[in-house]
Amino acid sequence: MKQVFAVMLFLFVVISAAAAEEKRFTISVGDSPQKGPKDASVTIIEFLDFQ
């Protein structure tokens, strides 16, 4: 039973990684207050809980 679970988990991770695509967006801040360098990179990672 543990082997079946391990194989299913492995397949889920492989399929999820293959299906994930990197999306990049540029958002204008206009005259909004800001702090730090203007060319600083920001990475947002979204975690979802499928139930």
Protein backbone atom coordinates (compact mmCIF):
# COMPACT_ATOMS: atom_id res chain seq x y z
CA MET A 1 0.00 0.00 0.00
CA LYS A 2 2.87 2.39 0.81
CA GLN A 3 4.41 1.70 -2.60
CA VAL A 4 1.16 2.53 -4.38
CA PHE A 5 0.88 5.78 -2.44
CA ALA A 6 4.49 6.65 -3.20
CA VAL A 7 3.98 6.04 -6.93
CA MET A 8 0.79 8.12 -6.95
CA LEU A 9 2.53 10.95 -5.12
CA PHE A 10 5.46 10.82 -7.53
CA LEU A 11 3.14 10.95 -10.55
CA PHE A 12 1.20 13.85 -9.05
CA VAL A 13 4.39 15.85 -8.51
CA VAL A 14 5.70 15.12 -12.01
CA ILE A 15 2.39 15.97 -13.70
CA SER A 16 1.92 19.11 -11.61
CA ALA A 17 5.41 20.35 -12.44
CA ALA A 18 4.88 19.67 -16.14
CA ALA A 19 1.50 21.43 -16.15
CA ALA A 20 2.75 24.51 -14.30
CA GLU A 21 3.73 27.34 -16.55
CA GLU A 22 5.54 30.48 -15.60
CA LYS A 23 3.47 33.63 -15.99
CA ARG A 24 4.99 37.08 -15.82
CA PHE A 25 3.08 40.33 -15.58
CA THR A 26 4.22 43.93 -15.50
CA ILE A 27 2.12 46.11 -13.23
CA SER A 28 2.41 49.87 -13.40
CA VAL A 29 2.68 51.49 -9.97
CA GLY A 30 1.97 54.98 -11.32
CA ASP A 31 2.46 57.60 -8.62
CA SER A 32 1.93 55.12 -5.76
CA PRO A 33 4.37 55.40 -2.85
CA GLN A 34 7.25 52.94 -3.14
CA LYS A 35 10.35 51.97 -1.25
CA GLY A 36 13.51 50.32 -2.50
CA PRO A 37 15.18 50.06 -5.89
CA LYS A 38 12.98 50.52 -8.96
CA ASP A 39 14.47 47.46 -10.69
CA ALA A 40 13.96 45.07 -7.75
CA SER A 41 12.48 41.73 -8.81
CA VAL A 42 9.46 40.29 -7.04
CA THR A 43 8.41 36.64 -7.09
CA ILE A 44 4.91 35.64 -6.02
CA ILE A 45 4.29 31.94 -5.41
CA GLU A 46 0.71 30.77 -5.13
CA PHE A 47 -0.09 27.67 -3.08
CA LEU A 48 -3.47 26.09 -3.63
CA ASP A 49 -5.27 23.56 -1.49
CA PHE A 50 -7.46 21.29 -3.59
CA GLN A 51 -10.07 19.64 -1.44
